[in-house]
N, C-alpha and C. Protein backbone atom coordinates (compact mmCIF):
# COMPACT_ATOMS: atom_id res chain seq x y z
N MET A 1 14.20 5.70 -29.91
CA MET A 1 13.04 5.56 -29.24
C MET A 1 13.27 4.92 -28.00
N LYS A 2 13.08 5.31 -26.93
CA LYS A 2 13.36 4.63 -25.76
C LYS A 2 12.36 3.19 -25.40
N LYS A 3 12.95 2.38 -25.05
CA LYS A 3 12.50 1.11 -24.81
C LYS A 3 11.52 1.22 -23.57
N LYS A 4 10.26 0.75 -23.28
CA LYS A 4 9.43 0.51 -22.21
C LYS A 4 10.12 -0.15 -21.39
N THR A 5 9.89 0.48 -19.76
CA THR A 5 10.47 -0.04 -18.87
C THR A 5 9.51 -1.38 -18.53
N SER A 6 10.19 -2.60 -18.24
CA SER A 6 9.68 -3.76 -17.67
C SER A 6 8.80 -3.62 -16.04
N TRP A 7 7.81 -4.35 -15.80
CA TRP A 7 7.26 -4.20 -14.56
C TRP A 7 8.49 -4.64 -13.55
N GLN A 8 9.52 -5.65 -14.05
CA GLN A 8 10.59 -6.16 -13.17
C GLN A 8 11.46 -5.15 -12.66
N GLU A 9 11.55 -4.18 -14.04
CA GLU A 9 12.47 -3.21 -13.75
C GLU A 9 12.00 -2.10 -12.80
N LYS A 10 10.55 -1.71 -12.99
CA LYS A 10 10.17 -0.71 -11.99
C LYS A 10 9.95 -1.33 -10.65
N LEU A 11 9.56 -2.64 -10.61
CA LEU A 11 9.93 -3.25 -8.86
C LEU A 11 11.34 -3.02 -8.50
N ALA A 12 12.33 -3.36 -9.28
CA ALA A 12 13.73 -3.02 -8.72
C ALA A 12 14.34 -1.71 -8.40
N ASP A 13 13.24 -0.79 -9.26
CA ASP A 13 13.98 0.57 -8.82
C ASP A 13 13.54 1.11 -7.54
N SER A 14 14.66 1.25 -6.66
CA SER A 14 14.02 1.72 -5.19
C SER A 14 14.31 3.15 -5.11
N LYS A 15 14.85 3.93 -5.97
CA LYS A 15 15.31 5.36 -5.80
C LYS A 15 15.69 5.33 -4.72
N ASP A 16 15.41 6.55 -3.74
CA ASP A 16 16.03 6.80 -2.40
C ASP A 16 15.16 6.23 -1.36
N LEU A 17 14.43 4.98 -1.63
CA LEU A 17 13.57 4.56 -0.52
C LEU A 17 13.81 3.02 -0.08
N PRO A 18 13.72 2.71 1.07
CA PRO A 18 12.45 3.23 1.69
C PRO A 18 12.89 4.84 2.74
N ARG A 19 11.85 5.49 2.95
CA ARG A 19 12.29 6.95 3.61
C ARG A 19 11.07 7.12 4.41
N VAL A 20 11.44 7.51 5.68
CA VAL A 20 10.58 7.87 6.68
C VAL A 20 10.54 9.46 6.52
N GLU A 21 9.07 9.81 6.81
CA GLU A 21 8.78 11.43 6.71
C GLU A 21 7.84 11.77 7.69
N LYS A 22 7.99 13.09 8.20
CA LYS A 22 7.11 13.52 9.02
C LYS A 22 5.67 13.97 8.33
N ILE A 23 4.66 13.47 8.98
CA ILE A 23 3.30 14.20 8.55
C ILE A 23 2.92 15.21 8.67
N ASP A 24 2.87 16.28 7.54
CA ASP A 24 2.73 17.53 7.31
C ASP A 24 1.19 17.89 7.92
N GLU A 25 0.82 19.00 7.87
CA GLU A 25 -0.46 19.56 8.30
C GLU A 25 -1.46 19.09 7.30
N LYS A 26 -1.36 19.45 6.19
CA LYS A 26 -2.37 18.70 5.07
C LYS A 26 -2.54 17.26 5.39
N LYS A 27 -1.59 16.42 5.23
CA LYS A 27 -1.69 14.77 5.50
C LYS A 27 -2.28 14.55 6.96
N SER A 28 -1.99 15.48 8.00
CA SER A 28 -2.58 15.06 9.29
C SER A 28 -4.04 14.99 9.46
N LYS A 29 -4.98 15.96 8.58
CA LYS A 29 -6.24 15.81 8.67
C LYS A 29 -6.73 14.40 8.02
N ARG A 30 -6.10 13.71 7.55
CA ARG A 30 -6.23 12.25 6.93
C ARG A 30 -5.61 11.12 7.88
N TRP A 31 -4.34 11.33 8.05
CA TRP A 31 -3.40 10.38 8.82
C TRP A 31 -3.42 10.50 9.96
N GLY A 32 -3.55 11.80 10.90
CA GLY A 32 -3.26 12.17 12.29
C GLY A 32 -1.67 12.44 12.23
N MET A 33 -1.29 12.47 13.19
CA MET A 33 0.10 13.09 13.39
C MET A 33 1.12 11.98 13.82
N GLY A 34 2.52 12.71 13.53
CA GLY A 34 3.45 11.47 13.58
C GLY A 34 4.38 11.40 12.34
N THR A 35 4.75 10.30 11.90
CA THR A 35 5.39 9.81 10.84
C THR A 35 4.84 8.91 9.74
N PHE A 36 5.43 8.95 8.58
CA PHE A 36 4.99 7.83 7.57
C PHE A 36 6.24 7.37 6.81
N VAL A 37 6.08 6.03 6.51
CA VAL A 37 6.98 5.40 5.81
C VAL A 37 6.55 5.20 4.40
N ILE A 38 7.56 5.45 3.31
CA ILE A 38 7.35 5.35 1.86
C ILE A 38 7.96 4.27 1.75
N PRO A 39 7.62 2.90 1.78
CA PRO A 39 8.43 1.58 1.58
C PRO A 39 9.02 1.57 0.12
N ALA A 40 10.16 0.48 -0.08
CA ALA A 40 10.69 0.46 -1.37
C ALA A 40 9.65 -0.33 -2.04
N PRO A 41 9.85 -0.49 -3.39
CA PRO A 41 9.01 -1.46 -4.23
C PRO A 41 9.26 -2.96 -3.67
N LEU A 42 10.40 -3.22 -3.61
CA LEU A 42 10.95 -4.33 -3.42
C LEU A 42 10.57 -5.21 -1.79
N GLU A 43 10.60 -4.16 -0.81
CA GLU A 43 9.95 -4.26 0.45
C GLU A 43 8.76 -4.90 0.54
N VAL A 44 7.78 -3.95 -0.59
CA VAL A 44 6.28 -4.67 -0.26
C VAL A 44 6.28 -5.97 -1.18
N ASP A 45 7.05 -6.01 -1.93
CA ASP A 45 6.99 -7.43 -2.95
C ASP A 45 7.38 -8.77 -2.21
N ALA A 46 8.67 -8.48 -1.00
CA ALA A 46 8.99 -9.33 -0.18
C ALA A 46 7.89 -9.71 0.73
N ILE A 47 7.07 -8.93 1.39
CA ILE A 47 6.29 -9.28 2.03
C ILE A 47 5.12 -10.18 1.61
N MET A 48 4.85 -9.68 0.16
CA MET A 48 3.66 -10.32 -0.45
C MET A 48 4.12 -11.68 -0.74
N LYS A 49 5.60 -11.89 -0.98
CA LYS A 49 6.04 -13.33 -1.07
C LYS A 49 5.88 -14.00 -0.02
N GLN A 50 5.89 -13.72 0.80
CA GLN A 50 5.58 -14.57 2.36
C GLN A 50 4.42 -15.19 2.43
N VAL A 51 3.51 -14.94 1.90
CA VAL A 51 2.06 -15.18 2.42
C VAL A 51 2.03 -16.64 1.60
N PRO A 52 1.78 -17.64 2.49
CA PRO A 52 1.57 -19.09 1.93
C PRO A 52 0.34 -19.50 1.33
N LYS A 53 0.18 -20.57 0.56
CA LYS A 53 -0.93 -20.90 0.30
C LYS A 53 -1.98 -21.33 1.15
N GLY A 54 -3.18 -20.80 1.22
CA GLY A 54 -4.42 -20.87 2.13
C GLY A 54 -4.32 -20.08 3.08
N LYS A 55 -3.39 -18.81 3.00
CA LYS A 55 -3.49 -17.70 4.08
C LYS A 55 -3.78 -16.25 2.92
N LEU A 56 -3.82 -15.17 3.76
CA LEU A 56 -3.97 -13.81 2.92
C LEU A 56 -3.47 -12.94 3.47
N ILE A 57 -3.12 -11.64 3.09
CA ILE A 57 -2.91 -10.28 3.45
C ILE A 57 -3.38 -9.57 2.75
N THR A 58 -3.79 -8.17 3.44
CA THR A 58 -4.23 -7.06 3.27
C THR A 58 -3.48 -6.00 3.15
N ILE A 59 -3.73 -5.05 2.32
CA ILE A 59 -2.79 -3.60 1.95
C ILE A 59 -2.77 -3.02 3.15
N ASN A 60 -3.37 -3.02 4.10
CA ASN A 60 -3.23 -2.35 5.43
C ASN A 60 -2.19 -2.97 6.38
N ASP A 61 -2.56 -4.44 6.19
CA ASP A 61 -1.73 -5.41 6.99
C ASP A 61 -0.17 -5.29 6.47
N ILE A 62 0.25 -5.11 5.03
CA ILE A 62 1.67 -4.63 4.75
C ILE A 62 1.95 -3.27 5.18
N ARG A 63 1.04 -2.18 5.23
CA ARG A 63 1.43 -1.00 5.84
C ARG A 63 1.62 -0.98 7.02
N GLN A 64 0.93 -1.42 8.10
CA GLN A 64 1.47 -1.80 9.45
C GLN A 64 2.70 -2.25 9.52
N ILE A 65 3.06 -3.57 8.74
CA ILE A 65 4.24 -4.14 8.99
C ILE A 65 5.32 -3.07 8.76
N VAL A 66 5.44 -2.43 7.29
CA VAL A 66 6.41 -1.57 6.97
C VAL A 66 6.75 -0.60 8.16
N ALA A 67 5.53 0.18 8.73
CA ALA A 67 5.53 1.05 9.59
C ALA A 67 6.34 0.72 10.79
N LYS A 68 5.93 -0.55 11.38
CA LYS A 68 6.56 -1.38 12.47
C LYS A 68 8.10 -1.08 12.18
N ARG A 69 8.54 -1.62 10.97
CA ARG A 69 10.02 -2.13 10.62
C ARG A 69 10.66 -0.84 10.95
N HIS A 70 10.02 0.22 10.12
CA HIS A 70 10.82 1.46 10.35
C HIS A 70 10.07 2.72 11.46
N LYS A 71 9.56 2.04 12.34
CA LYS A 71 9.45 2.77 13.35
C LYS A 71 8.45 4.09 13.34
N ALA A 72 7.88 3.86 12.39
CA ALA A 72 7.09 4.96 11.90
C ALA A 72 5.48 4.87 12.32
N THR A 73 4.89 5.87 12.29
CA THR A 73 3.48 6.01 12.97
C THR A 73 2.45 5.46 11.81
N ILE A 74 2.52 5.24 10.53
CA ILE A 74 2.04 4.62 9.56
C ILE A 74 2.96 4.19 8.34
N GLY A 75 2.23 3.32 7.41
CA GLY A 75 2.84 3.20 6.10
C GLY A 75 1.80 3.75 5.24
N CYS A 76 2.64 4.56 4.25
CA CYS A 76 1.83 5.15 3.46
C CYS A 76 1.18 4.67 2.44
N PRO A 77 -0.14 4.89 2.60
CA PRO A 77 -1.30 4.05 1.92
C PRO A 77 -1.22 4.18 0.38
N ILE A 78 -1.13 5.29 -0.11
CA ILE A 78 -0.84 5.59 -1.54
C ILE A 78 0.44 4.68 -2.10
N THR A 79 1.65 4.73 -1.80
CA THR A 79 2.82 4.29 -2.19
C THR A 79 2.84 2.51 -2.28
N THR A 80 2.22 2.21 -0.70
CA THR A 80 2.24 0.75 -0.59
C THR A 80 0.96 -0.06 -1.59
N GLY A 81 -0.08 0.77 -2.07
CA GLY A 81 -0.82 0.22 -2.83
C GLY A 81 -0.33 0.16 -3.90
N ILE A 82 0.46 1.33 -4.73
CA ILE A 82 1.09 1.50 -6.23
C ILE A 82 2.03 0.06 -6.01
N PHE A 83 2.84 -0.03 -4.97
CA PHE A 83 4.09 -0.79 -4.97
C PHE A 83 3.47 -2.28 -4.98
N SER A 84 2.32 -2.58 -4.52
CA SER A 84 1.91 -3.90 -4.48
C SER A 84 1.10 -4.30 -6.02
N TRP A 85 0.90 -3.21 -6.51
CA TRP A 85 0.22 -3.33 -7.88
C TRP A 85 1.34 -3.68 -8.89
N ILE A 86 2.71 -2.75 -8.58
CA ILE A 86 3.69 -3.12 -9.38
C ILE A 86 4.33 -4.54 -9.32
N ALA A 87 4.38 -5.03 -8.13
CA ALA A 87 4.75 -6.27 -7.75
C ALA A 87 3.67 -7.44 -8.52
N ALA A 88 2.48 -7.10 -8.40
CA ALA A 88 1.52 -7.99 -9.31
C ALA A 88 1.66 -8.14 -10.74
N HIS A 89 2.40 -6.99 -11.27
CA HIS A 89 2.33 -6.99 -12.49
C HIS A 89 3.85 -7.41 -13.07
N ALA A 90 4.66 -7.52 -12.26
CA ALA A 90 6.24 -8.12 -12.19
C ALA A 90 5.83 -9.28 -12.18
N ALA A 91 5.16 -9.94 -11.29
CA ALA A 91 5.14 -11.35 -11.11
C ALA A 91 4.09 -12.08 -12.32
N ASP A 92 3.22 -11.39 -12.84
CA ASP A 92 2.74 -11.72 -14.19
C ASP A 92 3.59 -11.70 -15.29
N GLU A 93 4.29 -11.01 -15.47
CA GLU A 93 5.46 -10.51 -16.39
C GLU A 93 6.48 -12.05 -16.22
N MET A 94 6.76 -12.11 -14.87
CA MET A 94 7.56 -13.60 -14.82
C MET A 94 7.02 -14.75 -15.20
N GLU A 95 5.76 -14.69 -14.81
CA GLU A 95 4.82 -15.84 -15.01
C GLU A 95 4.93 -16.29 -16.82
N LYS A 96 4.72 -15.07 -17.56
CA LYS A 96 4.44 -15.23 -18.77
C LYS A 96 6.03 -15.55 -19.37
N GLU A 97 7.06 -15.03 -18.65
CA GLU A 97 8.15 -15.54 -18.99
C GLU A 97 8.75 -17.15 -18.69
N GLY A 98 7.79 -17.78 -17.98
CA GLY A 98 7.96 -19.34 -17.71
C GLY A 98 8.42 -19.59 -16.42
N LYS A 99 8.75 -18.39 -15.60
CA LYS A 99 8.96 -18.85 -14.15
C LYS A 99 8.02 -19.25 -13.33
N LYS A 100 8.46 -20.01 -12.29
CA LYS A 100 7.20 -20.59 -11.51
C LYS A 100 7.49 -20.03 -10.28
N ASN A 101 8.36 -19.56 -9.68
CA ASN A 101 8.31 -18.92 -8.04
C ASN A 101 8.37 -17.46 -8.45
N ILE A 102 6.85 -17.17 -8.32
CA ILE A 102 6.38 -15.55 -8.47
C ILE A 102 5.69 -15.07 -7.32
N THR A 103 5.71 -14.07 -7.01
CA THR A 103 5.11 -13.17 -5.60
C THR A 103 3.44 -13.78 -6.20
N PRO A 104 2.78 -14.38 -4.80
CA PRO A 104 1.52 -14.80 -5.25
C PRO A 104 0.70 -13.42 -4.87
N TYR A 105 0.49 -12.45 -5.79
CA TYR A 105 -0.16 -11.38 -5.70
C TYR A 105 -1.66 -11.70 -5.50
N TRP A 106 -2.43 -12.74 -5.78
CA TRP A 106 -3.47 -12.79 -5.75
C TRP A 106 -4.02 -13.07 -4.18
N ARG A 107 -3.02 -13.19 -3.25
CA ARG A 107 -3.43 -13.37 -1.86
C ARG A 107 -3.32 -12.07 -1.09
N THR A 108 -2.98 -11.21 -1.90
CA THR A 108 -3.07 -9.68 -1.21
C THR A 108 -4.33 -9.11 -1.69
N LEU A 109 -5.13 -8.50 -0.55
CA LEU A 109 -6.41 -8.01 -0.81
C LEU A 109 -6.44 -6.69 -0.21
N LYS A 110 -7.52 -5.81 -0.66
CA LYS A 110 -7.74 -4.67 -0.38
C LYS A 110 -8.43 -4.72 0.84
N THR A 111 -8.43 -3.54 1.61
CA THR A 111 -9.10 -3.28 2.69
C THR A 111 -10.68 -4.18 2.79
N GLY A 112 -11.08 -4.92 3.93
CA GLY A 112 -12.31 -5.75 4.22
C GLY A 112 -12.31 -6.88 2.94
N GLY A 113 -11.04 -7.22 2.86
CA GLY A 113 -11.13 -8.71 2.08
C GLY A 113 -11.68 -8.50 0.54
N ILE A 114 -11.56 -7.18 -0.12
CA ILE A 114 -11.78 -7.06 -1.41
C ILE A 114 -10.81 -7.00 -2.48
N LEU A 115 -11.16 -7.98 -3.44
CA LEU A 115 -10.10 -8.36 -4.48
C LEU A 115 -9.70 -6.95 -5.39
N ASN A 116 -8.68 -7.19 -5.52
CA ASN A 116 -8.08 -5.83 -6.31
C ASN A 116 -8.05 -5.89 -8.01
N GLU A 117 -9.09 -5.43 -8.28
CA GLU A 117 -9.50 -5.37 -9.86
C GLU A 117 -8.45 -5.17 -10.69
N LYS A 118 -7.50 -4.21 -10.23
CA LYS A 118 -6.52 -3.72 -10.95
C LYS A 118 -5.27 -4.67 -10.92
N TYR A 119 -5.41 -5.74 -10.49
CA TYR A 119 -4.15 -6.92 -10.72
C TYR A 119 -4.61 -7.42 -12.04
N PRO A 120 -3.22 -8.09 -12.27
CA PRO A 120 -3.27 -8.73 -13.74
C PRO A 120 -4.10 -9.49 -13.99
N GLY A 121 -5.06 -9.61 -14.87
CA GLY A 121 -6.29 -10.48 -15.29
C GLY A 121 -7.43 -10.10 -14.52
N GLY A 122 -7.66 -9.31 -13.66
CA GLY A 122 -8.85 -8.63 -13.43
C GLY A 122 -9.39 -9.69 -12.44
N LEU A 123 -10.69 -9.36 -12.06
CA LEU A 123 -11.52 -10.23 -11.10
C LEU A 123 -11.49 -11.58 -11.32
N GLU A 124 -11.73 -12.23 -12.68
CA GLU A 124 -11.68 -13.44 -13.04
C GLU A 124 -10.66 -14.18 -12.33
N ASN A 125 -9.39 -13.63 -12.95
CA ASN A 125 -8.34 -14.11 -12.65
C ASN A 125 -7.95 -14.57 -11.24
N LEU A 126 -8.32 -13.48 -10.54
CA LEU A 126 -8.03 -13.51 -8.99
C LEU A 126 -8.88 -14.59 -8.38
N LYS A 127 -10.16 -14.56 -8.73
CA LYS A 127 -11.03 -15.37 -8.36
C LYS A 127 -10.81 -16.67 -8.53
N THR A 128 -10.44 -17.28 -9.66
CA THR A 128 -9.87 -18.63 -10.13
C THR A 128 -8.74 -19.01 -9.24
N ARG A 129 -7.77 -18.15 -9.04
CA ARG A 129 -6.87 -18.49 -8.18
C ARG A 129 -6.95 -18.62 -6.88
N LEU A 130 -7.78 -17.86 -6.41
CA LEU A 130 -8.24 -18.07 -4.65
C LEU A 130 -9.06 -19.28 -4.63
N GLU A 131 -10.14 -19.21 -5.52
CA GLU A 131 -10.79 -20.52 -5.19
C GLU A 131 -10.21 -21.67 -5.38
N SER A 132 -9.30 -22.11 -6.30
CA SER A 132 -8.38 -23.07 -6.26
C SER A 132 -7.51 -23.54 -5.12
N GLU A 133 -7.47 -22.04 -4.25
CA GLU A 133 -6.58 -22.44 -3.10
C GLU A 133 -7.51 -22.76 -1.77
N GLY A 134 -8.61 -22.92 -2.37
CA GLY A 134 -9.98 -23.05 -1.38
C GLY A 134 -10.56 -22.03 -0.34
N HIS A 135 -10.44 -20.87 -1.17
CA HIS A 135 -11.27 -19.72 -0.63
C HIS A 135 -12.40 -19.63 -1.53
N ALA A 136 -13.49 -18.97 -0.54
CA ALA A 136 -14.67 -18.72 -1.12
C ALA A 136 -15.01 -17.70 -1.53
N VAL A 137 -14.82 -17.00 -2.68
CA VAL A 137 -15.17 -15.64 -3.11
C VAL A 137 -16.59 -15.34 -3.28
N ILE A 138 -17.04 -14.23 -2.88
CA ILE A 138 -18.26 -13.94 -2.97
C ILE A 138 -18.64 -12.24 -3.33
N GLN A 139 -19.73 -12.10 -4.00
CA GLN A 139 -19.90 -10.43 -4.26
C GLN A 139 -20.29 -10.01 -3.05
N LYS A 140 -19.79 -8.73 -2.85
CA LYS A 140 -20.12 -7.98 -1.44
C LYS A 140 -21.27 -6.97 -1.99
N GLY A 141 -22.32 -7.27 -1.39
CA GLY A 141 -23.65 -6.76 -1.56
C GLY A 141 -24.04 -6.54 -2.95
N ARG A 142 -24.56 -5.52 -3.33
CA ARG A 142 -24.76 -4.98 -4.52
C ARG A 142 -23.64 -4.45 -5.34
N SER A 143 -22.63 -4.37 -4.84
CA SER A 143 -21.22 -3.73 -5.52
C SER A 143 -20.97 -4.80 -6.49
N LYS A 144 -20.19 -3.85 -7.36
CA LYS A 144 -19.07 -4.62 -8.27
C LYS A 144 -17.94 -5.56 -7.71
N ASN A 145 -17.84 -5.00 -6.41
CA ASN A 145 -16.56 -5.73 -5.59
C ASN A 145 -16.91 -7.14 -5.31
N PHE A 146 -15.99 -7.80 -5.24
CA PHE A 146 -15.84 -9.15 -4.95
C PHE A 146 -15.02 -9.27 -3.76
N MET A 147 -15.17 -10.06 -2.60
CA MET A 147 -14.26 -10.27 -1.72
C MET A 147 -14.29 -11.94 -1.15
N VAL A 148 -12.94 -12.17 -0.20
CA VAL A 148 -13.00 -13.49 0.07
C VAL A 148 -13.75 -13.53 1.50
N LYS A 149 -14.68 -14.53 1.44
CA LYS A 149 -15.67 -14.80 2.40
C LYS A 149 -14.75 -15.08 3.71
N ASP A 150 -14.94 -14.51 4.99
CA ASP A 150 -14.24 -15.05 5.98
C ASP A 150 -12.66 -14.72 6.14
N PHE A 151 -12.44 -13.86 5.39
CA PHE A 151 -10.96 -13.47 4.86
C PHE A 151 -10.20 -13.41 6.36
N GLU A 152 -10.84 -12.76 7.18
CA GLU A 152 -10.11 -12.34 8.73
C GLU A 152 -9.66 -13.71 9.26
N LYS A 153 -10.42 -14.79 9.07
CA LYS A 153 -9.92 -15.83 9.49
C LYS A 153 -8.72 -16.94 8.90
N VAL A 154 -8.32 -16.20 7.92
CA VAL A 154 -7.05 -16.79 7.19
C VAL A 154 -5.91 -15.68 7.21
N LEU A 155 -5.78 -14.42 7.55
CA LEU A 155 -4.86 -13.36 7.63
C LEU A 155 -3.58 -14.06 8.23
N PHE A 156 -2.50 -13.94 7.13
CA PHE A 156 -1.39 -14.50 7.63
C PHE A 156 -0.39 -13.07 8.38
N GLU A 157 -0.03 -13.70 9.53
CA GLU A 157 0.76 -12.71 10.29
C GLU A 157 2.33 -12.82 10.25
N ILE A 158 2.71 -11.68 9.65
CA ILE A 158 4.32 -11.56 9.65
C ILE A 158 5.09 -10.91 11.07
N LYS A 159 5.92 -11.74 11.51
CA LYS A 159 6.38 -11.17 12.69
C LYS A 159 7.40 -10.03 12.41
């Protein structure tokens, strides 16, 4: 029986990425015309790692960064989200192994400053970590979503 692939192994498996592709007719209805970049998992992780305590980044910010780096129109929303999720789980795995210098995945938010409930430990873990860094986490309207209050004021810019 094959052993289960660890999150860290998944993160390190870049296959043939990054790769820039033309936006086809089907995708153009949603993404517009031009090109899109499928980043490598480690590239997404490296961006997430740069976000210092007190600052935040969104998946859309990461998408813009990879698009600019690869001279593409947009960063792929699907793979960028998946790779941030893999980076978060790899960091959680490392933390459980006793490693201290892990990717601060809790600082990466979904669009609109919303916490990603699919990250390790769910909303409670993210809320605790963000509040310990000085962020106010509030419920967004009547939804189940939680967001960082005034997240726009503390967004991290990567040059």
